Amino acid sequence: FIARKVMAALDRPFMVEGRELEVGGSVGVAFDGGCCSLPDDLLSRAD
């Protein structure tokens, strides 16, 4: 749900220094449901 919100926010044109730019982003999500993943493991999976 949060990733969809992020994608919607990034999908709108960027108005930067008087120029309209189509920017966009790509998102990787790692989720462990409160289990026991270490931060480095989560970051690696998100990457």
ModelCIF file with pLDDT and N, C-alpha, C, O atoms, coordinates in Angstrom:
data_MODEL
#
_entry.id   MODEL 
#
_entity.id                         1 
_entity.type                       polymer 
_entity.pdbx_number_of_molecules   1 
#
_entity_poly.entity_id                      1 
_entity_poly.type                           'polypeptide(L)' 
_entity_poly.nstd_linkage                   no 
_entity_poly.nstd_monomer                   no 
_entity_poly.pdbx_seq_one_letter_code       FIARKVMAALDRPFMVEGRELEVGGSVGVAFDGGCCSLPDDLLSRAD 
_entity_poly.pdbx_seq_one_letter_code_can   FIARKVMAALDRPFMVEGRELEVGGSVGVAFDGGCCSLPDDLLSRAD 
_entity_poly.pdbx_strand_id                 A 
#
loop_
_entity_poly_seq.entity_id 
_entity_poly_seq.num 
_entity_poly_seq.mon_id 
_entity_poly_seq.hetero 
1 1  PHE n 
1 2  ILE n 
1 3  ALA n 
1 4  ARG n 
1 5  LYS n 
1 6  VAL n 
1 7  MET n 
1 8  ALA n 
1 9  ALA n 
1 10 LEU n 
1 11 ASP n 
1 12 ARG n 
1 13 PRO n 
1 14 PHE n 
1 15 MET n 
1 16 VAL n 
1 17 GLU n 
1 18 GLY n 
1 19 ARG n 
1 20 GLU n 
1 21 LEU n 
1 22 GLU n 
1 23 VAL n 
1 24 GLY n 
1 25 GLY n 
1 26 SER n 
1 27 VAL n 
1 28 GLY n 
1 29 VAL n 
1 30 ALA n 
1 31 PHE n 
1 32 ASP n 
1 33 GLY n 
1 34 GLY n 
1 35 CYS n 
1 36 CYS n 
1 37 SER n 
1 38 LEU n 
1 39 PRO n 
1 40 ASP n 
1 41 ASP n 
1 42 LEU n 
1 43 LEU n 
1 44 SER n 
1 45 ARG n 
1 46 ALA n 
1 47 ASP n 
#
_struct_asym.id          A 
_struct_asym.entity_id   1 
#
loop_
_ma_qa_metric.id 
_ma_qa_metric.mode 
_ma_qa_metric.name 
_ma_qa_metric.software_group_id 
_ma_qa_metric.type 
1 global pLDDT . pLDDT 
2 local  pLDDT . pLDDT 
#
_ma_qa_metric_global.metric_id      1 
_ma_qa_metric_global.metric_value   90.55 
_ma_qa_metric_global.model_id       1 
_ma_qa_metric_global.ordinal_id     1 
#
loop_
_ma_qa_metric_local.label_asym_id 
_ma_qa_metric_local.label_comp_id 
_ma_qa_metric_local.label_seq_id 
_ma_qa_metric_local.metric_id 
_ma_qa_metric_local.metric_value 
_ma_qa_metric_local.model_id 
_ma_qa_metric_local.ordinal_id 
A PHE 1  2 95.00 1 1  
A ILE 2  2 95.00 1 2  
A ALA 3  2 96.00 1 3  
A ARG 4  2 95.00 1 4  
A LYS 5  2 96.00 1 5  
A VAL 6  2 96.00 1 6  
A MET 7  2 95.00 1 7  
A ALA 8  2 96.00 1 8  
A ALA 9  2 96.00 1 9  
A LEU 10 2 95.00 1 10 
A ASP 11 2 93.00 1 11 
A ARG 12 2 94.00 1 12 
A PRO 13 2 94.00 1 13 
A PHE 14 2 94.00 1 14 
A MET 15 2 93.00 1 15 
A VAL 16 2 90.00 1 16 
A GLU 17 2 88.00 1 17 
A GLY 18 2 91.00 1 18 
A ARG 19 2 92.00 1 19 
A GLU 20 2 94.00 1 20 
A LEU 21 2 93.00 1 21 
A GLU 22 2 91.00 1 22 
A VAL 23 2 93.00 1 23 
A GLY 24 2 92.00 1 24 
A GLY 25 2 95.00 1 25 
A SER 26 2 96.00 1 26 
A VAL 27 2 97.00 1 27 
A GLY 28 2 97.00 1 28 
A VAL 29 2 96.00 1 29 
A ALA 30 2 93.00 1 30 
A PHE 31 2 91.00 1 31 
A ASP 32 2 85.00 1 32 
A GLY 33 2 73.00 1 33 
A GLY 34 2 68.00 1 34 
A CYS 35 2 70.00 1 35 
A CYS 36 2 71.00 1 36 
A SER 37 2 76.00 1 37 
A LEU 38 2 83.00 1 38 
A PRO 39 2 84.00 1 39 
A ASP 40 2 89.00 1 40 
A ASP 41 2 89.00 1 41 
A LEU 42 2 90.00 1 42 
A LEU 43 2 91.00 1 43 
A SER 44 2 92.00 1 44 
A ARG 45 2 93.00 1 45 
A ALA 46 2 95.00 1 46 
A ASP 47 2 95.00 1 47 
#
loop_
_atom_site.group_PDB 
_atom_site.id 
_atom_site.type_symbol 
_atom_site.label_atom_id 
_atom_site.label_alt_id 
_atom_site.label_comp_id 
_atom_site.label_asym_id 
_atom_site.label_entity_id 
_atom_site.label_seq_id 
_atom_site.pdbx_PDB_ins_code 
_atom_site.Cartn_x 
_atom_site.Cartn_y 
_atom_site.Cartn_z 
_atom_site.occupancy 
_atom_site.B_iso_or_equiv 
_atom_site.pdbx_formal_charge 
_atom_site.auth_seq_id 
_atom_site.auth_comp_id 
_atom_site.auth_asym_id 
_atom_site.auth_atom_id 
_atom_site.pdbx_PDB_model_num 
ATOM 1   N N  . PHE A 1 1  ? 0.847  -1.201  0.000   1.00 95.00 ? 1  PHE A N  1 
ATOM 2   C CA . PHE A 1 1  ? 0.000  0.000   0.000   1.00 95.00 ? 1  PHE A CA 1 
ATOM 3   C C  . PHE A 1 1  ? 0.881  1.249   0.000   1.00 95.00 ? 1  PHE A C  1 
ATOM 4   O O  . PHE A 1 1  ? 0.632  2.187   -0.757  1.00 95.00 ? 1  PHE A O  1 
ATOM 5   N N  . ILE A 1 2  ? 1.905  1.259   0.845   1.00 95.00 ? 2  ILE A N  1 
ATOM 6   C CA . ILE A 1 2  ? 2.802  2.419   0.921   1.00 95.00 ? 2  ILE A CA 1 
ATOM 7   C C  . ILE A 1 2  ? 3.590  2.563   -0.381  1.00 95.00 ? 2  ILE A C  1 
ATOM 8   O O  . ILE A 1 2  ? 3.786  3.679   -0.862  1.00 95.00 ? 2  ILE A O  1 
ATOM 9   N N  . ALA A 1 3  ? 4.036  1.462   -0.948  1.00 96.00 ? 3  ALA A N  1 
ATOM 10  C CA . ALA A 1 3  ? 4.759  1.521   -2.226  1.00 96.00 ? 3  ALA A CA 1 
ATOM 11  C C  . ALA A 1 3  ? 3.884  2.131   -3.316  1.00 96.00 ? 3  ALA A C  1 
ATOM 12  O O  . ALA A 1 3  ? 4.370  2.896   -4.149  1.00 96.00 ? 3  ALA A O  1 
ATOM 13  N N  . ARG A 1 4  ? 2.600  1.797   -3.312  1.00 95.00 ? 4  ARG A N  1 
ATOM 14  C CA . ARG A 1 4  ? 1.682  2.397   -4.299  1.00 95.00 ? 4  ARG A CA 1 
ATOM 15  C C  . ARG A 1 4  ? 1.554  3.904   -4.077  1.00 95.00 ? 4  ARG A C  1 
ATOM 16  O O  . ARG A 1 4  ? 1.490  4.669   -5.039  1.00 95.00 ? 4  ARG A O  1 
ATOM 17  N N  . LYS A 1 5  ? 1.516  4.336   -2.807  1.00 96.00 ? 5  LYS A N  1 
ATOM 18  C CA . LYS A 1 5  ? 1.471  5.777   -2.516  1.00 96.00 ? 5  LYS A CA 1 
ATOM 19  C C  . LYS A 1 5  ? 2.736  6.464   -3.013  1.00 96.00 ? 5  LYS A C  1 
ATOM 20  O O  . LYS A 1 5  ? 2.671  7.542   -3.603  1.00 96.00 ? 5  LYS A O  1 
ATOM 21  N N  . VAL A 1 6  ? 3.878  5.846   -2.776  1.00 96.00 ? 6  VAL A N  1 
ATOM 22  C CA . VAL A 1 6  ? 5.155  6.402   -3.241  1.00 96.00 ? 6  VAL A CA 1 
ATOM 23  C C  . VAL A 1 6  ? 5.142  6.508   -4.763  1.00 96.00 ? 6  VAL A C  1 
ATOM 24  O O  . VAL A 1 6  ? 5.505  7.545   -5.317  1.00 96.00 ? 6  VAL A O  1 
ATOM 25  N N  . MET A 1 7  ? 4.726  5.442   -5.436  1.00 95.00 ? 7  MET A N  1 
ATOM 26  C CA . MET A 1 7  ? 4.705  5.452   -6.898  1.00 95.00 ? 7  MET A CA 1 
ATOM 27  C C  . MET A 1 7  ? 3.787  6.552   -7.431  1.00 95.00 ? 7  MET A C  1 
ATOM 28  O O  . MET A 1 7  ? 4.135  7.228   -8.399  1.00 95.00 ? 7  MET A O  1 
ATOM 29  N N  . ALA A 1 8  ? 2.636  6.738   -6.818  1.00 96.00 ? 8  ALA A N  1 
ATOM 30  C CA . ALA A 1 8  ? 1.705  7.792   -7.254  1.00 96.00 ? 8  ALA A CA 1 
ATOM 31  C C  . ALA A 1 8  ? 2.331  9.171   -7.062  1.00 96.00 ? 8  ALA A C  1 
ATOM 32  O O  . ALA A 1 8  ? 2.178  10.039  -7.922  1.00 96.00 ? 8  ALA A O  1 
ATOM 33  N N  . ALA A 1 9  ? 3.026  9.383   -5.959  1.00 96.00 ? 9  ALA A N  1 
ATOM 34  C CA . ALA A 1 9  ? 3.666  10.675  -5.700  1.00 96.00 ? 9  ALA A CA 1 
ATOM 35  C C  . ALA A 1 9  ? 4.784  10.953  -6.705  1.00 96.00 ? 9  ALA A C  1 
ATOM 36  O O  . ALA A 1 9  ? 4.974  12.094  -7.125  1.00 96.00 ? 9  ALA A O  1 
ATOM 37  N N  . LEU A 1 10 ? 5.515  9.917   -7.086  1.00 95.00 ? 10 LEU A N  1 
ATOM 38  C CA . LEU A 1 10 ? 6.632  10.099  -8.019  1.00 95.00 ? 10 LEU A CA 1 
ATOM 39  C C  . LEU A 1 10 ? 6.164  10.164  -9.466  1.00 95.00 ? 10 LEU A C  1 
ATOM 40  O O  . LEU A 1 10 ? 6.898  10.644  -10.331 1.00 95.00 ? 10 LEU A O  1 
ATOM 41  N N  . ASP A 1 11 ? 4.962  9.692   -9.738  1.00 93.00 ? 11 ASP A N  1 
ATOM 42  C CA . ASP A 1 11 ? 4.452  9.655   -11.105 1.00 93.00 ? 11 ASP A CA 1 
ATOM 43  C C  . ASP A 1 11 ? 3.990  11.025  -11.603 1.00 93.00 ? 11 ASP A C  1 
ATOM 44  O O  . ASP A 1 11 ? 3.924  11.268  -12.808 1.00 93.00 ? 11 ASP A O  1 
ATOM 45  N N  . ARG A 1 12 ? 3.674  11.916  -10.664 1.00 94.00 ? 12 ARG A N  1 
ATOM 46  C CA . ARG A 1 12 ? 3.271  13.268  -11.073 1.00 94.00 ? 12 ARG A CA 1 
ATOM 47  C C  . ARG A 1 12 ? 4.482  14.007  -11.656 1.00 94.00 ? 12 ARG A C  1 
ATOM 48  O O  . ARG A 1 12 ? 5.602  13.814  -11.183 1.00 94.00 ? 12 ARG A O  1 
ATOM 49  N N  . PRO A 1 13 ? 4.272  14.858  -12.685 1.00 94.00 ? 13 PRO A N  1 
ATOM 50  C CA . PRO A 1 13 ? 5.399  15.611  -13.247 1.00 94.00 ? 13 PRO A CA 1 
ATOM 51  C C  . PRO A 1 13 ? 6.088  16.460  -12.171 1.00 94.00 ? 13 PRO A C  1 
ATOM 52  O O  . PRO A 1 13 ? 5.437  16.988  -11.269 1.00 94.00 ? 13 PRO A O  1 
ATOM 53  N N  . PHE A 1 14 ? 7.392  16.577  -12.282 1.00 94.00 ? 14 PHE A N  1 
ATOM 54  C CA . PHE A 1 14 ? 8.188  17.416  -11.386 1.00 94.00 ? 14 PHE A CA 1 
ATOM 55  C C  . PHE A 1 14 ? 8.336  18.785  -12.030 1.00 94.00 ? 14 PHE A C  1 
ATOM 56  O O  . PHE A 1 14 ? 8.748  18.879  -13.186 1.00 94.00 ? 14 PHE A O  1 
ATOM 57  N N  . MET A 1 15 ? 8.009  19.845  -11.303 1.00 93.00 ? 15 MET A N  1 
ATOM 58  C CA . MET A 1 15 ? 8.245  21.200  -11.775 1.00 93.00 ? 15 MET A CA 1 
ATOM 59  C C  . MET A 1 15 ? 9.499  21.683  -11.062 1.00 93.00 ? 15 MET A C  1 
ATOM 60  O O  . MET A 1 15 ? 9.458  22.009  -9.876  1.00 93.00 ? 15 MET A O  1 
ATOM 61  N N  . VAL A 1 16 ? 10.616 21.730  -11.786 1.00 90.00 ? 16 VAL A N  1 
ATOM 62  C CA . VAL A 1 16 ? 11.908 22.071  -11.190 1.00 90.00 ? 16 VAL A CA 1 
ATOM 63  C C  . VAL A 1 16 ? 12.558 23.174  -12.002 1.00 90.00 ? 16 VAL A C  1 
ATOM 64  O O  . VAL A 1 16 ? 12.778 23.037  -13.205 1.00 90.00 ? 16 VAL A O  1 
ATOM 65  N N  . GLU A 1 17 ? 12.863 24.271  -11.323 1.00 88.00 ? 17 GLU A N  1 
ATOM 66  C CA . GLU A 1 17 ? 13.521 25.419  -11.963 1.00 88.00 ? 17 GLU A CA 1 
ATOM 67  C C  . GLU A 1 17 ? 12.811 25.835  -13.244 1.00 88.00 ? 17 GLU A C  1 
ATOM 68  O O  . GLU A 1 17 ? 13.446 26.111  -14.261 1.00 88.00 ? 17 GLU A O  1 
ATOM 69  N N  . GLY A 1 18 ? 11.478 25.877  -13.177 1.00 91.00 ? 18 GLY A N  1 
ATOM 70  C CA . GLY A 1 18 ? 10.679 26.323  -14.310 1.00 91.00 ? 18 GLY A CA 1 
ATOM 71  C C  . GLY A 1 18 ? 10.497 25.294  -15.417 1.00 91.00 ? 18 GLY A C  1 
ATOM 72  O O  . GLY A 1 18 ? 9.912  25.603  -16.455 1.00 91.00 ? 18 GLY A O  1 
ATOM 73  N N  . ARG A 1 19 ? 10.986 24.086  -15.211 1.00 92.00 ? 19 ARG A N  1 
ATOM 74  C CA . ARG A 1 19 ? 10.838 23.031  -16.220 1.00 92.00 ? 19 ARG A CA 1 
ATOM 75  C C  . ARG A 1 19 ? 9.973  21.914  -15.662 1.00 92.00 ? 19 ARG A C  1 
ATOM 76  O O  . ARG A 1 19 ? 10.057 21.565  -14.485 1.00 92.00 ? 19 ARG A O  1 
ATOM 77  N N  . GLU A 1 20 ? 9.147  21.368  -16.529 1.00 94.00 ? 20 GLU A N  1 
ATOM 78  C CA . GLU A 1 20 ? 8.355  20.200  -16.149 1.00 94.00 ? 20 GLU A CA 1 
ATOM 79  C C  . GLU A 1 20 ? 9.105  18.956  -16.608 1.00 94.00 ? 20 GLU A C  1 
ATOM 80  O O  . GLU A 1 20 ? 9.411  18.801  -17.790 1.00 94.00 ? 20 GLU A O  1 
ATOM 81  N N  . LEU A 1 21 ? 9.396  18.073  -15.655 1.00 93.00 ? 21 LEU A N  1 
ATOM 82  C CA . LEU A 1 21 ? 10.142 16.860  -15.957 1.00 93.00 ? 21 LEU A CA 1 
ATOM 83  C C  . LEU A 1 21 ? 9.337  15.629  -15.571 1.00 93.00 ? 21 LEU A C  1 
ATOM 84  O O  . LEU A 1 21 ? 8.661  15.609  -14.542 1.00 93.00 ? 21 LEU A O  1 
ATOM 85  N N  . GLU A 1 22 ? 9.420  14.603  -16.409 1.00 91.00 ? 22 GLU A N  1 
ATOM 86  C CA . GLU A 1 22 ? 8.883  13.288  -16.064 1.00 91.00 ? 22 GLU A CA 1 
ATOM 87  C C  . GLU A 1 22 ? 10.045 12.542  -15.418 1.00 91.00 ? 22 GLU A C  1 
ATOM 88  O O  . GLU A 1 22 ? 11.020 12.214  -16.095 1.00 91.00 ? 22 GLU A O  1 
ATOM 89  N N  . VAL A 1 23 ? 9.955  12.273  -14.127 1.00 93.00 ? 23 VAL A N  1 
ATOM 90  C CA . VAL A 1 23 ? 11.084 11.688  -13.412 1.00 93.00 ? 23 VAL A CA 1 
ATOM 91  C C  . VAL A 1 23 ? 10.801 10.229  -13.088 1.00 93.00 ? 23 VAL A C  1 
ATOM 92  O O  . VAL A 1 23 ? 11.352 9.339   -13.737 1.00 93.00 ? 23 VAL A O  1 
ATOM 93  N N  . GLY A 1 24 ? 9.975  9.970   -12.121 1.00 92.00 ? 24 GLY A N  1 
ATOM 94  C CA . GLY A 1 24 ? 9.638  8.608   -11.740 1.00 92.00 ? 24 GLY A CA 1 
ATOM 95  C C  . GLY A 1 24 ? 10.722 7.925   -10.925 1.00 92.00 ? 24 GLY A C  1 
ATOM 96  O O  . GLY A 1 24 ? 11.852 8.401   -10.825 1.00 92.00 ? 24 GLY A O  1 
ATOM 97  N N  . GLY A 1 25 ? 10.345 6.805   -10.354 1.00 95.00 ? 25 GLY A N  1 
ATOM 98  C CA . GLY A 1 25 ? 11.276 6.036   -9.547  1.00 95.00 ? 25 GLY A CA 1 
ATOM 99  C C  . GLY A 1 25 ? 10.911 4.568   -9.562  1.00 95.00 ? 25 GLY A C  1 
ATOM 100 O O  . GLY A 1 25 ? 9.797  4.184   -9.921  1.00 95.00 ? 25 GLY A O  1 
ATOM 101 N N  . SER A 1 26 ? 11.879 3.758   -9.164  1.00 96.00 ? 26 SER A N  1 
ATOM 102 C CA . SER A 1 26 ? 11.669 2.322   -9.005  1.00 96.00 ? 26 SER A CA 1 
ATOM 103 C C  . SER A 1 26 ? 11.843 1.991   -7.535  1.00 96.00 ? 26 SER A C  1 
ATOM 104 O O  . SER A 1 26 ? 12.675 2.588   -6.852  1.00 96.00 ? 26 SER A O  1 
ATOM 105 N N  . VAL A 1 27 ? 11.050 1.030   -7.044  1.00 97.00 ? 27 VAL A N  1 
ATOM 106 C CA . VAL A 1 27 ? 11.030 0.716   -5.618  1.00 97.00 ? 27 VAL A CA 1 
ATOM 107 C C  . VAL A 1 27 ? 11.185 -0.782  -5.410  1.00 97.00 ? 27 VAL A C  1 
ATOM 108 O O  . VAL A 1 27 ? 10.522 -1.594  -6.055  1.00 97.00 ? 27 VAL A O  1 
ATOM 109 N N  . GLY A 1 28 ? 12.079 -1.123  -4.491  1.00 97.00 ? 28 GLY A N  1 
ATOM 110 C CA . GLY A 1 28 ? 12.228 -2.501  -4.049  1.00 97.00 ? 28 GLY A CA 1 
ATOM 111 C C  . GLY A 1 28 ? 11.829 -2.591  -2.591  1.00 97.00 ? 28 GLY A C  1 
ATOM 112 O O  . GLY A 1 28 ? 12.261 -1.773  -1.780  1.00 97.00 ? 28 GLY A O  1 
ATOM 113 N N  . VAL A 1 29 ? 11.010 -3.572  -2.245  1.00 96.00 ? 29 VAL A N  1 
ATOM 114 C CA . VAL A 1 29 ? 10.503 -3.713  -0.883  1.00 96.00 ? 29 VAL A CA 1 
ATOM 115 C C  . VAL A 1 29 ? 10.903 -5.070  -0.333  1.00 96.00 ? 29 VAL A C  1 
ATOM 116 O O  . VAL A 1 29 ? 10.733 -6.097  -0.991  1.00 96.00 ? 29 VAL A O  1 
ATOM 117 N N  . ALA A 1 30 ? 11.441 -5.060  0.890   1.00 93.00 ? 30 ALA A N  1 
ATOM 118 C CA . ALA A 1 30 ? 11.698 -6.308  1.620   1.00 93.00 ? 30 ALA A CA 1 
ATOM 119 C C  . ALA A 1 30 ? 10.803 -6.278  2.846   1.00 93.00 ? 30 ALA A C  1 
ATOM 120 O O  . ALA A 1 30 ? 10.738 -5.273  3.554   1.00 93.00 ? 30 ALA A O  1 
ATOM 121 N N  . PHE A 1 31 ? 10.118 -7.376  3.091   1.00 91.00 ? 31 PHE A N  1 
ATOM 122 C CA . PHE A 1 31 ? 9.192  -7.442  4.223   1.00 91.00 ? 31 PHE A CA 1 
ATOM 123 C C  . PHE A 1 31 ? 9.399  -8.743  4.963   1.00 91.00 ? 31 PHE A C  1 
ATOM 124 O O  . PHE A 1 31 ? 9.460  -9.813  4.358   1.00 91.00 ? 31 PHE A O  1 
ATOM 125 N N  . ASP A 1 32 ? 9.507  -8.645  6.297   1.00 85.00 ? 32 ASP A N  1 
ATOM 126 C CA . ASP A 1 32 ? 9.687  -9.874  7.070   1.00 85.00 ? 32 ASP A CA 1 
ATOM 127 C C  . ASP A 1 32 ? 8.595  -10.079 8.112   1.00 85.00 ? 32 ASP A C  1 
ATOM 128 O O  . ASP A 1 32 ? 8.654  -11.052 8.864   1.00 85.00 ? 32 ASP A O  1 
ATOM 129 N N  . GLY A 1 33 ? 7.618  -9.212  8.183   1.00 73.00 ? 33 GLY A N  1 
ATOM 130 C CA . GLY A 1 33 ? 6.484  -9.397  9.097   1.00 73.00 ? 33 GLY A CA 1 
ATOM 131 C C  . GLY A 1 33 ? 6.854  -9.404  10.557  1.00 73.00 ? 33 GLY A C  1 
ATOM 132 O O  . GLY A 1 33 ? 6.201  -10.073 11.358  1.00 73.00 ? 33 GLY A O  1 
ATOM 133 N N  . GLY A 1 34 ? 7.895  -8.668  10.922  1.00 68.00 ? 34 GLY A N  1 
ATOM 134 C CA . GLY A 1 34 ? 8.289  -8.601  12.327  1.00 68.00 ? 34 GLY A CA 1 
ATOM 135 C C  . GLY A 1 34 ? 9.095  -9.802  12.778  1.00 68.00 ? 34 GLY A C  1 
ATOM 136 O O  . GLY A 1 34 ? 9.254  -10.037 13.976  1.00 68.00 ? 34 GLY A O  1 
ATOM 137 N N  . CYS A 1 35 ? 9.597  -10.550 11.834  1.00 70.00 ? 35 CYS A N  1 
ATOM 138 C CA . CYS A 1 35 ? 10.342 -11.771 12.144  1.00 70.00 ? 35 CYS A CA 1 
ATOM 139 C C  . CYS A 1 35 ? 11.695 -11.435 12.752  1.00 70.00 ? 35 CYS A C  1 
ATOM 140 O O  . CYS A 1 35 ? 11.756 -10.791 13.799  1.00 70.00 ? 35 CYS A O  1 
ATOM 141 N N  . CYS A 1 36 ? 12.734 -11.842 12.141  1.00 71.00 ? 36 CYS A N  1 
ATOM 142 C CA . CYS A 1 36 ? 14.051 -11.706 12.752  1.00 71.00 ? 36 CYS A CA 1 
ATOM 143 C C  . CYS A 1 36 ? 15.129 -11.321 11.757  1.00 71.00 ? 36 CYS A C  1 
ATOM 144 O O  . CYS A 1 36 ? 16.298 -11.627 11.993  1.00 71.00 ? 36 CYS A O  1 
ATOM 145 N N  . SER A 1 37 ? 14.793 -10.670 10.664  1.00 76.00 ? 37 SER A N  1 
ATOM 146 C CA . SER A 1 37 ? 15.777 -10.278 9.665   1.00 76.00 ? 37 SER A CA 1 
ATOM 147 C C  . SER A 1 37 ? 16.685 -9.190  10.209  1.00 76.00 ? 37 SER A C  1 
ATOM 148 O O  . SER A 1 37 ? 16.248 -8.286  10.922  1.00 76.00 ? 37 SER A O  1 
ATOM 149 N N  . LEU A 1 38 ? 17.955 -9.296  9.857   1.00 83.00 ? 38 LEU A N  1 
ATOM 150 C CA . LEU A 1 38 ? 18.918 -8.257  10.207  1.00 83.00 ? 38 LEU A CA 1 
ATOM 151 C C  . LEU A 1 38 ? 18.793 -7.112  9.207   1.00 83.00 ? 38 LEU A C  1 
ATOM 152 O O  . LEU A 1 38 ? 18.418 -7.337  8.056   1.00 83.00 ? 38 LEU A O  1 
ATOM 153 N N  . PRO A 1 39 ? 19.102 -5.884  9.632   1.00 84.00 ? 39 PRO A N  1 
ATOM 154 C CA . PRO A 1 39 ? 18.984 -4.740  8.714   1.00 84.00 ? 39 PRO A CA 1 
ATOM 155 C C  . PRO A 1 39 ? 19.740 -4.931  7.400   1.00 84.00 ? 39 PRO A C  1 
ATOM 156 O O  . PRO A 1 39 ? 19.219 -4.589  6.338   1.00 84.00 ? 39 PRO A O  1 
ATOM 157 N N  . ASP A 1 40 ? 20.952 -5.468  7.454   1.00 89.00 ? 40 ASP A N  1 
ATOM 158 C CA . ASP A 1 40 ? 21.714 -5.681  6.213   1.00 89.00 ? 40 ASP A CA 1 
ATOM 159 C C  . ASP A 1 40 ? 21.006 -6.662  5.285   1.00 89.00 ? 40 ASP A C  1 
ATOM 160 O O  . ASP A 1 40 ? 21.034 -6.495  4.066   1.00 89.00 ? 40 ASP A O  1 
ATOM 161 N N  . ASP A 1 41 ? 20.371 -7.685  5.857   1.00 89.00 ? 41 ASP A N  1 
ATOM 162 C CA . ASP A 1 41 ? 19.635 -8.658  5.045   1.00 89.00 ? 41 ASP A CA 1 
ATOM 163 C C  . ASP A 1 41 ? 18.426 -8.009  4.380   1.00 89.00 ? 41 ASP A C  1 
ATOM 164 O O  . ASP A 1 41 ? 18.160 -8.242  3.201   1.00 89.00 ? 41 ASP A O  1 
ATOM 165 N N  . LEU A 1 42 ? 17.697 -7.193  5.140   1.00 90.00 ? 42 LEU A N  1 
ATOM 166 C CA . LEU A 1 42 ? 16.538 -6.496  4.576   1.00 90.00 ? 42 LEU A CA 1 
ATOM 167 C C  . LEU A 1 42 ? 16.963 -5.560  3.453   1.00 90.00 ? 42 LEU A C  1 
ATOM 168 O O  . LEU A 1 42 ? 16.322 -5.513  2.403   1.00 90.00 ? 42 LEU A O  1 
ATOM 169 N N  . LEU A 1 43 ? 18.045 -4.812  3.675   1.00 91.00 ? 43 LEU A N  1 
ATOM 170 C CA . LEU A 1 43 ? 18.522 -3.880  2.651   1.00 91.00 ? 43 LEU A CA 1 
ATOM 171 C C  . LEU A 1 43 ? 18.958 -4.634  1.392   1.00 91.00 ? 43 LEU A C  1 
ATOM 172 O O  . LEU A 1 43 ? 18.675 -4.200  0.276   1.00 91.00 ? 43 LEU A O  1 
ATOM 173 N N  . SER A 1 44 ? 19.636 -5.745  1.573   1.00 92.00 ? 44 SER A N  1 
ATOM 174 C CA . SER A 1 44 ? 20.073 -6.550  0.427   1.00 92.00 ? 44 SER A CA 1 
ATOM 175 C C  . SER A 1 44 ? 18.871 -7.078  -0.360  1.00 92.00 ? 44 SER A C  1 
ATOM 176 O O  . SER A 1 44 ? 18.868 -7.044  -1.590  1.00 92.00 ? 44 SER A O  1 
ATOM 177 N N  . ARG A 1 45 ? 17.855 -7.564  0.349   1.00 93.00 ? 45 ARG A N  1 
ATOM 178 C CA . ARG A 1 45 ? 16.650 -8.060  -0.330  1.00 93.00 ? 45 ARG A CA 1 
ATOM 179 C C  . ARG A 1 45 ? 15.885 -6.928  -1.009  1.00 93.00 ? 45 ARG A C  1 
ATOM 180 O O  . ARG A 1 45 ? 15.347 -7.109  -2.101  1.00 93.00 ? 45 ARG A O  1 
ATOM 181 N N  . ALA A 1 46 ? 15.836 -5.761  -0.367  1.00 95.00 ? 46 ALA A N  1 
ATOM 182 C CA . ALA A 1 46 ? 15.172 -4.608  -0.979  1.00 95.00 ? 46 ALA A CA 1 
ATOM 183 C C  . ALA A 1 46 ? 15.916 -4.190  -2.249  1.00 95.00 ? 46 ALA A C  1 
ATOM 184 O O  . ALA A 1 46 ? 15.289 -3.809  -3.238  1.00 95.00 ? 46 ALA A O  1 
ATOM 185 N N  . ASP A 1 47 ? 17.239 -4.259  -2.225  1.00 95.00 ? 47 ASP A N  1 
ATOM 186 C CA . ASP A 1 47 ? 18.047 -3.940  -3.399  1.00 95.00 ? 47 ASP A CA 1 
ATOM 187 C C  . ASP A 1 47 ? 17.764 -4.931  -4.531  1.00 95.00 ? 47 ASP A C  1 
ATOM 188 O O  . ASP A 1 47 ? 18.353 -4.823  -5.607  1.00 95.00 ? 47 ASP A O  1 
#
